[in-house]
């Protein structure tokens, strides 16, 4: 996968391939191109870190989440629940509840999907 990066290190385009061709550079002299590992999820608009060959999402999933350099991801201010759940359940973050009372540990809401009949 070839990543086209603007002068501001923001991903402008994602191209299929394993080699940067001369025409890419000639047609885009202000941009740089890098080969990204296939395992890296690259999204246009994300910030590219050439030394790591990784992207950082431009924005957190929620305003209260902060970037963790060690884990290389945005993390919530309240730890993800470790309660056991079933296959038709998942935990969902409630940003409104967190903003209303950030000392309330009940900002993770258990969602249960009703199977179709």
N, C-alpha and C. Protein backbone atom coordinates (compact mmCIF):
# COMPACT_ATOMS: atom_id res chain seq x y z
N UNK A 1 0.85 -1.16 0.00
CA UNK A 1 0.00 0.00 0.00
C UNK A 1 0.91 1.24 0.00
N UNK A 2 0.59 2.16 -0.88
CA UNK A 2 1.36 3.40 -0.99
C UNK A 2 0.53 4.53 -0.39
N UNK A 3 1.16 5.30 0.47
CA UNK A 3 0.49 6.42 1.13
C UNK A 3 1.04 7.72 0.57
N UNK A 4 0.15 8.58 0.09
CA UNK A 4 0.53 9.91 -0.40
C UNK A 4 0.32 10.89 0.75
N UNK A 5 1.41 11.59 1.11
CA UNK A 5 1.39 12.45 2.28
C UNK A 5 1.66 13.90 1.87
N UNK A 6 0.82 14.81 2.34
CA UNK A 6 1.00 16.22 2.06
C UNK A 6 2.12 16.81 2.90
N UNK A 7 2.44 18.06 2.64
CA UNK A 7 3.52 18.73 3.36
C UNK A 7 3.23 18.87 4.85
N UNK A 8 1.96 18.75 5.24
CA UNK A 8 1.58 18.85 6.65
C UNK A 8 1.53 17.48 7.34
N UNK A 9 2.05 16.44 6.65
CA UNK A 9 2.07 15.05 7.13
C UNK A 9 0.69 14.42 7.22
N UNK A 10 -0.28 14.99 6.55
CA UNK A 10 -1.62 14.43 6.54
C UNK A 10 -1.76 13.53 5.30
N UNK A 11 -2.35 12.36 5.50
CA UNK A 11 -2.56 11.41 4.41
C UNK A 11 -3.57 12.00 3.42
N UNK A 12 -3.13 12.15 2.18
CA UNK A 12 -3.98 12.71 1.12
C UNK A 12 -4.63 11.63 0.26
N UNK A 13 -3.93 10.51 0.11
CA UNK A 13 -4.43 9.47 -0.77
C UNK A 13 -3.80 8.13 -0.38
N UNK A 14 -4.50 7.07 -0.72
CA UNK A 14 -4.00 5.72 -0.48
C UNK A 14 -4.07 4.99 -1.81
N UNK A 15 -2.94 4.45 -2.24
CA UNK A 15 -2.85 3.81 -3.54
C UNK A 15 -2.49 2.34 -3.39
N UNK A 16 -2.97 1.55 -4.31
CA UNK A 16 -2.63 0.13 -4.31
C UNK A 16 -1.28 -0.02 -5.00
N UNK A 17 -0.41 -0.78 -4.40
CA UNK A 17 0.89 -1.04 -5.00
C UNK A 17 1.95 -1.21 -3.95
N UNK A 18 3.13 -1.60 -4.43
CA UNK A 18 4.25 -1.84 -3.51
C UNK A 18 5.47 -1.02 -3.89
N UNK A 19 5.35 -0.20 -4.91
CA UNK A 19 6.50 0.57 -5.38
C UNK A 19 6.04 1.96 -5.83
N UNK A 20 6.76 2.98 -5.41
CA UNK A 20 6.43 4.35 -5.80
C UNK A 20 7.01 4.60 -7.20
N UNK A 21 6.14 4.97 -8.13
CA UNK A 21 6.57 5.23 -9.51
C UNK A 21 7.00 6.69 -9.66
N UNK A 22 7.89 6.94 -10.61
CA UNK A 22 8.40 8.29 -10.87
C UNK A 22 7.29 9.27 -11.19
N UNK A 23 6.27 8.83 -11.95
CA UNK A 23 5.20 9.75 -12.33
C UNK A 23 4.45 10.28 -11.12
N UNK A 24 4.35 9.48 -10.05
CA UNK A 24 3.67 9.94 -8.84
C UNK A 24 4.39 11.17 -8.27
N UNK A 25 5.70 11.06 -8.21
CA UNK A 25 6.52 12.14 -7.65
C UNK A 25 6.50 13.35 -8.57
N UNK A 26 6.59 13.12 -9.87
CA UNK A 26 6.59 14.22 -10.84
C UNK A 26 5.29 14.99 -10.82
N UNK A 27 4.17 14.29 -10.70
CA UNK A 27 2.86 14.95 -10.71
C UNK A 27 2.49 15.56 -9.36
N UNK A 28 3.22 15.19 -8.32
CA UNK A 28 2.92 15.68 -6.96
C UNK A 28 4.22 16.10 -6.26
N UNK A 29 4.90 17.12 -6.78
CA UNK A 29 6.22 17.46 -6.25
C UNK A 29 6.23 17.93 -4.79
N UNK A 30 5.11 18.41 -4.28
CA UNK A 30 5.06 18.89 -2.89
C UNK A 30 4.73 17.78 -1.89
N UNK A 31 4.38 16.61 -2.41
CA UNK A 31 4.00 15.50 -1.55
C UNK A 31 5.12 14.48 -1.44
N UNK A 32 5.00 13.64 -0.43
CA UNK A 32 5.92 12.51 -0.31
C UNK A 32 5.09 11.23 -0.38
N UNK A 33 5.76 10.14 -0.69
CA UNK A 33 5.10 8.85 -0.79
C UNK A 33 5.84 7.87 0.09
N UNK A 34 5.09 6.98 0.71
CA UNK A 34 5.70 5.99 1.58
C UNK A 34 4.96 4.67 1.43
N UNK A 35 5.69 3.60 1.64
CA UNK A 35 5.07 2.28 1.61
C UNK A 35 4.63 1.95 3.04
N UNK A 36 3.34 1.68 3.20
CA UNK A 36 2.79 1.36 4.52
C UNK A 36 2.64 -0.15 4.67
N UNK A 37 2.90 -0.66 5.86
CA UNK A 37 2.66 -2.08 6.09
C UNK A 37 1.18 -2.39 5.88
N UNK A 38 0.90 -3.56 5.34
CA UNK A 38 -0.48 -3.96 5.09
C UNK A 38 -1.30 -4.00 6.37
N UNK A 39 -0.64 -4.29 7.49
CA UNK A 39 -1.34 -4.39 8.77
C UNK A 39 -1.76 -3.03 9.33
N UNK A 40 -1.28 -1.94 8.74
CA UNK A 40 -1.59 -0.60 9.24
C UNK A 40 -2.89 -0.11 8.61
N UNK A 41 -3.83 0.29 9.44
CA UNK A 41 -5.07 0.89 8.95
C UNK A 41 -4.78 2.35 8.63
N UNK A 42 -4.77 2.68 7.36
CA UNK A 42 -4.48 4.05 6.93
C UNK A 42 -5.79 4.68 6.45
N UNK A 43 -6.08 5.87 6.94
CA UNK A 43 -7.30 6.58 6.58
C UNK A 43 -6.91 7.97 6.10
N UNK A 44 -7.52 8.40 4.99
CA UNK A 44 -7.23 9.75 4.51
C UNK A 44 -7.62 10.76 5.59
N UNK A 45 -6.75 11.74 5.79
CA UNK A 45 -6.98 12.75 6.83
C UNK A 45 -6.20 12.48 8.10
N UNK A 46 -5.73 11.24 8.27
CA UNK A 46 -4.91 10.91 9.44
C UNK A 46 -3.52 11.50 9.29
N UNK A 47 -2.81 11.62 10.39
CA UNK A 47 -1.44 12.14 10.38
C UNK A 47 -0.48 10.97 10.22
N UNK A 48 0.48 11.09 9.30
CA UNK A 48 1.44 10.03 8.99
C UNK A 48 2.73 10.25 9.77
N UNK A 49 3.23 9.19 10.40
CA UNK A 49 4.51 9.21 11.11
C UNK A 49 5.47 8.28 10.37
N UNK A 50 6.34 8.89 9.57
CA UNK A 50 7.24 8.13 8.71
C UNK A 50 8.16 7.23 9.51
N UNK A 51 8.66 7.71 10.65
CA UNK A 51 9.59 6.90 11.44
C UNK A 51 8.95 5.62 11.97
N UNK A 52 7.64 5.64 12.17
CA UNK A 52 6.92 4.48 12.69
C UNK A 52 6.18 3.72 11.58
N UNK A 53 6.03 4.38 10.43
CA UNK A 53 5.21 3.83 9.33
C UNK A 53 3.79 3.57 9.81
N UNK A 54 3.28 4.50 10.62
CA UNK A 54 1.94 4.40 11.18
C UNK A 54 1.21 5.73 11.04
N UNK A 55 -0.11 5.65 11.13
CA UNK A 55 -0.91 6.87 11.16
C UNK A 55 -1.50 7.06 12.55
N UNK A 56 -1.80 8.30 12.83
CA UNK A 56 -2.52 8.65 14.06
C UNK A 56 -3.82 9.29 13.59
N UNK A 57 -4.96 8.79 14.05
CA UNK A 57 -6.22 9.43 13.66
C UNK A 57 -6.20 10.92 14.00
N UNK A 58 -6.71 11.71 13.10
CA UNK A 58 -6.70 13.17 13.27
C UNK A 58 -7.52 13.60 14.49
N UNK A 59 -8.57 12.85 14.79
CA UNK A 59 -9.45 13.22 15.90
C UNK A 59 -9.77 12.00 16.75
N UNK A 60 -9.94 12.20 18.06
CA UNK A 60 -10.33 11.08 18.91
C UNK A 60 -11.78 10.68 18.61
N UNK A 61 -12.16 9.45 18.98
CA UNK A 61 -13.54 9.04 18.75
C UNK A 61 -14.54 9.86 19.58
N UNK A 62 -14.06 10.37 20.73
CA UNK A 62 -14.88 11.22 21.60
C UNK A 62 -13.98 12.33 22.14
N UNK A 63 -14.54 13.51 22.42
CA UNK A 63 -13.72 14.63 22.89
C UNK A 63 -12.92 14.37 24.17
N UNK A 64 -13.41 13.50 25.04
CA UNK A 64 -12.72 13.27 26.31
C UNK A 64 -11.57 12.27 26.21
N UNK A 65 -11.46 11.56 25.11
CA UNK A 65 -10.41 10.55 24.97
C UNK A 65 -9.09 11.23 24.63
N UNK A 66 -7.99 10.68 25.13
CA UNK A 66 -6.67 11.26 24.90
C UNK A 66 -5.75 10.25 24.22
N UNK A 67 -4.76 10.80 23.51
CA UNK A 67 -3.81 9.96 22.77
C UNK A 67 -2.78 9.36 23.71
N UNK A 68 -2.55 8.05 23.55
CA UNK A 68 -1.55 7.34 24.34
C UNK A 68 -0.43 6.90 23.39
N UNK A 69 0.74 7.52 23.52
CA UNK A 69 1.88 7.23 22.63
C UNK A 69 2.34 5.78 22.76
N UNK A 70 2.31 5.23 23.97
CA UNK A 70 2.80 3.87 24.19
C UNK A 70 1.91 2.84 23.49
N UNK A 71 0.61 3.00 23.63
CA UNK A 71 -0.32 2.05 23.01
C UNK A 71 -0.70 2.45 21.59
N UNK A 72 -0.33 3.66 21.21
CA UNK A 72 -0.59 4.22 19.88
C UNK A 72 -2.08 4.17 19.53
N UNK A 73 -2.87 4.67 20.46
CA UNK A 73 -4.30 4.76 20.24
C UNK A 73 -4.91 5.76 21.22
N UNK A 74 -6.12 6.22 20.88
CA UNK A 74 -6.87 7.06 21.81
C UNK A 74 -7.47 6.17 22.89
N UNK A 75 -7.39 6.64 24.14
CA UNK A 75 -7.94 5.88 25.26
C UNK A 75 -8.97 6.71 26.01
N UNK A 76 -9.99 6.05 26.54
CA UNK A 76 -11.01 6.77 27.30
C UNK A 76 -10.48 7.13 28.69
N UNK A 77 -11.06 8.14 29.31
CA UNK A 77 -10.63 8.52 30.66
C UNK A 77 -11.09 7.53 31.73
N UNK A 78 -12.03 6.68 31.39
CA UNK A 78 -12.51 5.64 32.30
C UNK A 78 -12.23 4.30 31.62
N UNK A 79 -11.58 3.41 32.34
CA UNK A 79 -11.17 2.12 31.80
C UNK A 79 -12.35 1.31 31.26
N UNK A 80 -12.10 0.64 30.14
CA UNK A 80 -13.08 -0.24 29.53
C UNK A 80 -13.48 -1.34 30.52
N UNK A 81 -14.78 -1.65 30.62
CA UNK A 81 -15.23 -2.68 31.57
C UNK A 81 -14.65 -4.05 31.25
N UNK A 82 -14.44 -4.82 32.30
CA UNK A 82 -13.94 -6.19 32.12
C UNK A 82 -15.01 -7.22 32.43
N UNK A 83 -16.24 -6.77 32.65
CA UNK A 83 -17.35 -7.69 32.93
C UNK A 83 -17.53 -8.63 31.74
N UNK A 84 -17.93 -9.84 32.05
CA UNK A 84 -18.19 -10.81 31.00
C UNK A 84 -19.48 -10.45 30.27
N UNK A 85 -19.45 -10.57 28.94
CA UNK A 85 -20.63 -10.28 28.14
C UNK A 85 -20.84 -11.42 27.15
N UNK A 86 -22.04 -11.45 26.55
CA UNK A 86 -22.36 -12.49 25.57
C UNK A 86 -22.07 -11.97 24.16
N UNK A 87 -22.18 -12.86 23.17
CA UNK A 87 -21.84 -12.48 21.79
C UNK A 87 -22.74 -11.40 21.22
N UNK A 88 -23.94 -11.24 21.76
CA UNK A 88 -24.85 -10.22 21.24
C UNK A 88 -24.81 -8.93 22.06
N UNK A 89 -23.73 -8.74 22.84
CA UNK A 89 -23.59 -7.55 23.68
C UNK A 89 -22.25 -6.85 23.41
N UNK A 90 -22.21 -5.56 23.67
CA UNK A 90 -20.97 -4.80 23.61
C UNK A 90 -21.11 -3.56 24.49
N UNK A 91 -19.95 -3.02 24.86
CA UNK A 91 -19.93 -1.81 25.68
C UNK A 91 -19.82 -0.59 24.77
N UNK A 92 -20.61 0.41 25.05
CA UNK A 92 -20.60 1.64 24.27
C UNK A 92 -20.31 2.82 25.20
N UNK A 93 -19.45 3.72 24.75
CA UNK A 93 -19.08 4.90 25.53
C UNK A 93 -20.20 5.93 25.48
N UNK A 94 -20.54 6.53 26.62
CA UNK A 94 -21.57 7.56 26.69
C UNK A 94 -20.88 8.89 27.01
N UNK A 95 -20.52 9.62 25.99
CA UNK A 95 -19.81 10.89 26.16
C UNK A 95 -20.65 11.91 26.91
N UNK A 96 -21.96 11.94 26.65
CA UNK A 96 -22.83 12.89 27.35
C UNK A 96 -22.82 12.63 28.86
N UNK A 97 -22.86 11.37 29.25
CA UNK A 97 -22.83 11.03 30.69
C UNK A 97 -21.49 11.44 31.29
N UNK A 98 -20.40 11.22 30.56
CA UNK A 98 -19.09 11.60 31.07
C UNK A 98 -18.99 13.12 31.23
N UNK A 99 -19.48 13.87 30.25
CA UNK A 99 -19.42 15.33 30.33
C UNK A 99 -20.29 15.86 31.47
N UNK A 100 -21.39 15.19 31.75
CA UNK A 100 -22.29 15.61 32.83
C UNK A 100 -21.68 15.36 34.20
N UNK A 101 -20.95 14.24 34.33
CA UNK A 101 -20.33 13.90 35.62
C UNK A 101 -19.14 12.99 35.36
N UNK A 102 -17.95 13.57 35.27
CA UNK A 102 -16.78 12.76 34.93
C UNK A 102 -16.26 11.91 36.10
N UNK A 103 -16.93 11.96 37.23
CA UNK A 103 -16.56 11.08 38.34
C UNK A 103 -17.44 9.82 38.36
N UNK A 104 -18.44 9.79 37.48
CA UNK A 104 -19.36 8.66 37.41
C UNK A 104 -18.72 7.52 36.61
N UNK A 105 -18.50 6.38 37.24
CA UNK A 105 -17.88 5.27 36.52
C UNK A 105 -18.82 4.59 35.52
N UNK A 106 -20.11 4.96 35.54
CA UNK A 106 -21.09 4.32 34.66
C UNK A 106 -21.22 5.01 33.31
N UNK A 107 -20.10 5.30 32.71
CA UNK A 107 -20.12 5.94 31.39
C UNK A 107 -20.03 4.91 30.27
N UNK A 108 -19.78 3.67 30.63
CA UNK A 108 -19.84 2.57 29.67
C UNK A 108 -21.22 1.95 29.76
N UNK A 109 -21.93 1.90 28.65
CA UNK A 109 -23.29 1.39 28.62
C UNK A 109 -23.28 0.04 27.91
N UNK A 110 -23.87 -0.95 28.55
CA UNK A 110 -23.96 -2.28 27.95
C UNK A 110 -25.11 -2.31 26.96
N UNK A 111 -24.79 -2.60 25.73
CA UNK A 111 -25.79 -2.67 24.66
C UNK A 111 -26.04 -4.15 24.35
N UNK A 112 -27.29 -4.52 24.25
CA UNK A 112 -27.65 -5.87 23.86
C UNK A 112 -28.43 -5.82 22.56
N UNK A 113 -27.94 -6.55 21.59
CA UNK A 113 -28.60 -6.59 20.28
C UNK A 113 -29.67 -7.66 20.31
N UNK A 114 -30.87 -7.30 19.86
CA UNK A 114 -31.95 -8.26 19.79
C UNK A 114 -31.82 -9.04 18.48
N UNK A 115 -31.69 -10.35 18.56
CA UNK A 115 -31.58 -11.14 17.33
C UNK A 115 -32.84 -11.02 16.48
N UNK A 116 -32.67 -11.03 15.16
CA UNK A 116 -33.87 -10.96 14.29
C UNK A 116 -34.72 -12.22 14.46
N UNK A 117 -36.01 -12.02 14.31
CA UNK A 117 -36.93 -13.17 14.47
C UNK A 117 -37.05 -13.94 13.20
